[in-house]
C-alpha atoms as a PDB file:
ATOM      1  CA  UNK A   1      44.024  59.947 124.879  1.00  0.00           C
ATOM      2  CA  UNK A   2      43.247  63.689 124.617  1.00  0.00           C
ATOM      3  CA  UNK A   3      44.490  65.545 121.561  1.00  0.00           C
ATOM      4  CA  UNK A   4      46.385  68.823 121.536  1.00  0.00           C
ATOM      5  CA  UNK A   5      46.548  71.221 118.612  1.00  0.00           C
ATOM      6  CA  UNK A   6      49.651  73.396 118.282  1.00  0.00           C
ATOM      7  CA  UNK A   7      50.635  76.098 115.816  1.00  0.00           C
ATOM      8  CA  UNK A   8      54.262  75.664 114.792  1.00  0.00           C
ATOM      9  CA  UNK A   9      56.319  77.157 111.980  1.00  0.00           C
ATOM     10  CA  UNK A  10      56.361  74.849 108.944  1.00  0.00           C
ATOM     11  CA  UNK A  11      60.153  74.699 108.831  1.00  0.00           C
ATOM     12  CA  UNK A  12      60.277  73.630 112.451  1.00  0.00           C
ATOM     13  CA  UNK A  13      57.719  70.905 111.776  1.00  0.00           C
ATOM     14  CA  UNK A  14      59.738  69.521 108.865  1.00  0.00           C
ATOM     15  CA  UNK A  15      62.986  69.513 110.856  1.00  0.00           C
ATOM     16  CA  UNK A  16      61.206  67.863 113.778  1.00  0.00           C
ATOM     17  CA  UNK A  17      59.803  65.154 111.514  1.00  0.00           C
ATOM     18  CA  UNK A  18      63.254  64.394 110.080  1.00  0.00           C
ATOM     19  CA  UNK A  19      64.747  64.357 113.583  1.00  0.00           C
ATOM     20  CA  UNK A  20      62.029  62.010 114.849  1.00  0.00           C
ATOM     21  CA  UNK A  21      62.355  59.679 111.857  1.00  0.00           C
ATOM     22  CA  UNK A  22      66.119  59.358 112.376  1.00  0.00           C
ATOM     23  CA  UNK A  23      65.429  58.293 115.946  1.00  0.00           C
ATOM     24  CA  UNK A  24      62.570  55.940 115.169  1.00  0.00           C
ATOM     25  CA  UNK A  25      59.926  57.942 117.003  1.00  0.00           C
ATOM     26  CA  UNK A  26      57.181  60.445 116.214  1.00  0.00           C
ATOM     27  CA  UNK A  27      56.956  64.185 116.715  1.00  0.00           C
ATOM     28  CA  UNK A  28      53.935  63.560 118.941  1.00  0.00           C
ATOM     29  CA  UNK A  29      55.974  61.239 121.169  1.00  0.00           C
ATOM     30  CA  UNK A  30      58.849  63.740 121.336  1.00  0.00           C
ATOM     31  CA  UNK A  31      56.467  66.537 122.333  1.00  0.00           C
ATOM     32  CA  UNK A  32      54.822  64.278 124.931  1.00  0.00           C
ATOM     33  CA  UNK A  33      58.190  63.375 126.438  1.00  0.00           C
ATOM     34  CA  UNK A  34      59.280  67.010 126.477  1.00  0.00           C
ATOM     35  CA  UNK A  35      56.074  68.199 128.143  1.00  0.00           C
ATOM     36  CA  UNK A  36      56.287  65.380 130.678  1.00  0.00           C
ATOM     37  CA  UNK A  37      59.859  66.355 131.492  1.00  0.00           C
ATOM     38  CA  UNK A  38      59.189  70.071 131.992  1.00  0.00           C
ATOM     39  CA  UNK A  39      55.842  69.614 133.771  1.00  0.00           C
ATOM     40  CA  UNK A  40      56.862  67.061 136.380  1.00  0.00           C
ATOM     41  CA  UNK A  41      57.902  68.231 139.843  1.00  0.00           C
ATOM     42  CA  UNK A  42      61.648  68.402 140.365  1.00  0.00           C
ATOM     43  CA  UNK A  43      63.191  65.321 141.887  1.00  0.00           C
ATOM     44  CA  UNK A  44      65.068  65.849 145.115  1.00  0.00           C
ATOM     45  CA  UNK A  45      68.783  65.620 144.575  1.00  0.00           C
ATOM     46  CA  UNK A  46      71.481  64.618 146.956  1.00  0.00           C
ATOM     47  CA  UNK A  47      73.515  67.478 148.301  1.00  0.00           C
ATOM     48  CA  UNK A  48      77.073  67.472 147.119  1.00  0.00           C
ATOM     49  CA  UNK A  49      79.783  68.490 149.597  1.00  0.00           C
ATOM     50  CA  UNK A  50      80.179  71.825 147.790  1.00  0.00           C
ATOM     51  CA  UNK A  51      76.444  72.525 147.975  1.00  0.00           C
ATOM     52  CA  UNK A  52      76.324  71.678 151.683  1.00  0.00           C
ATOM     53  CA  UNK A  53      79.247  74.047 152.286  1.00  0.00           C
ATOM     54  CA  UNK A  54      77.549  76.868 150.408  1.00  0.00           C
ATOM     55  CA  UNK A  55      74.279  76.316 152.239  1.00  0.00           C
ATOM     56  CA  UNK A  56      76.155  76.379 155.515  1.00  0.00           C
ATOM     57  CA  UNK A  57      77.843  79.657 154.664  1.00  0.00           C
ATOM     58  CA  UNK A  58      74.638  81.311 153.598  1.00  0.00           C
ATOM     59  CA  UNK A  59      72.676  79.915 156.520  1.00  0.00           C
ATOM     60  CA  UNK A  60      74.892  81.464 159.214  1.00  0.00           C
ATOM     61  CA  UNK A  61      74.497  85.017 158.065  1.00  0.00           C
ATOM     62  CA  UNK A  62      73.034  87.131 155.377  1.00  0.00           C
ATOM     63  CA  UNK A  63      74.339  88.138 152.018  1.00  0.00           C
ATOM     64  CA  UNK A  64      76.471  90.918 153.524  1.00  0.00           C
ATOM     65  CA  UNK A  65      78.165  88.467 155.878  1.00  0.00           C
ATOM     66  CA  UNK A  66      78.955  86.153 152.970  1.00  0.00           C
ATOM     67  CA  UNK A  67      80.293  89.065 150.913  1.00  0.00           C
ATOM     68  CA  UNK A  68      82.614  90.089 153.795  1.00  0.00           C
ATOM     69  CA  UNK A  69      83.941  86.525 153.999  1.00  0.00           C
ATOM     70  CA  UNK A  70      84.699  86.534 150.286  1.00  0.00           C
ATOM     71  CA  UNK A  71      86.472  89.883 150.491  1.00  0.00           C
ATOM     72  CA  UNK A  72      88.655  88.633 153.359  1.00  0.00           C
ATOM     73  CA  UNK A  73      89.359  85.361 151.555  1.00  0.00           C
ATOM     74  CA  UNK A  74      90.473  86.917 148.266  1.00  0.00           C
ATOM     75  CA  UNK A  75      92.506  89.913 149.541  1.00  0.00           C
END
């Protein structure tokens, strides 16, 4: 497994070690999990009804059209 060297504030390192110990893991494992999480491609999500409605509104016209609808709706 390749190694990675990081420069981190000493206080952060100590807090991370205590946090990891309380959870029965290592700082290395926590960093690996974090990097894996932020580096992986986003998973497709199911559209919720609200999201589909918003996409439909924005898809039929531009931003100005959407703004006019909102103005009419909230008068």
